[in-house]
Amino acid sequence: MNPSMQKRLAILGAVLSAALFVAANIHLITVALRSQSGCVVPAPDKPPARRVC
């Protein structure tokens, strides 16, 4: 394998790793925002987290 091919593979690997990292973080944020729990009954002396509850 010649040096230019190694350089291309290294760059491709770095780009794919960065893309995977970004995609995983986007997925984490998406799941975190979608999985907010519904309304729960708060303690009598505390107001609910959202006004619609």
Protein backbone atom coordinates (compact mmCIF):
# COMPACT_ATOMS: atom_id res chain seq x y z
CA MET A 1 0.00 0.00 0.00
CA ASN A 2 1.51 3.32 -1.01
CA PRO A 3 1.64 6.39 1.26
CA SER A 4 -1.04 8.33 -0.62
CA MET A 5 -3.49 5.44 -0.20
CA GLN A 6 -2.69 5.24 3.53
CA LYS A 7 -3.28 8.99 3.84
CA ARG A 8 -6.65 8.71 2.09
CA LEU A 9 -7.71 5.82 4.32
CA ALA A 10 -6.62 7.72 7.44
CA ILE A 11 -8.60 10.79 6.39
CA LEU A 12 -11.62 8.67 5.51
CA GLY A 13 -11.42 6.93 8.90
CA ALA A 14 -11.20 10.26 10.71
CA VAL A 15 -14.17 11.68 8.80
CA LEU A 16 -16.26 8.56 9.44
CA SER A 17 -15.37 8.62 13.14
CA ALA A 18 -16.33 12.28 13.43
CA ALA A 19 -19.61 11.64 11.57
CA LEU A 20 -20.43 8.73 13.88
CA PHE A 21 -19.69 10.87 16.94
CA VAL A 22 -21.95 13.69 15.70
CA ALA A 23 -24.73 11.26 14.78
CA ALA A 24 -24.58 9.62 18.20
CA ASN A 25 -24.83 12.99 19.94
CA ILE A 26 -27.76 14.05 17.79
CA HIS A 27 -29.49 10.77 18.62
CA LEU A 28 -28.80 11.29 22.33
CA ILE A 29 -30.30 14.78 22.27
CA THR A 30 -33.32 13.62 20.27
CA VAL A 31 -34.05 10.75 22.66
CA ALA A 32 -33.60 12.99 25.69
CA LEU A 33 -36.06 15.56 24.36
CA ARG A 34 -38.66 12.98 23.33
CA SER A 35 -38.57 10.96 26.55
CA GLN A 36 -39.73 13.64 28.94
CA SER A 37 -42.10 12.12 31.43
CA GLY A 38 -45.73 13.03 31.53
CA CYS A 39 -47.48 14.87 34.29
CA VAL A 40 -47.12 13.41 37.76
CA VAL A 41 -48.90 14.43 40.92
CA PRO A 42 -46.52 16.71 42.83
CA ALA A 43 -46.27 17.03 46.55
CA PRO A 44 -49.04 19.22 48.02
CA ASP A 45 -46.65 22.06 48.87
CA LYS A 46 -44.92 22.12 45.45
CA PRO A 47 -46.33 23.30 42.12
CA PRO A 48 -46.18 21.05 39.03
CA ALA A 49 -43.22 21.37 36.68
CA ARG A 50 -45.46 22.47 33.80
CA ARG A 51 -48.51 24.66 34.00
CA VAL A 52 -50.60 22.29 31.87
CA CYS A 53 -50.41 19.56 34.51
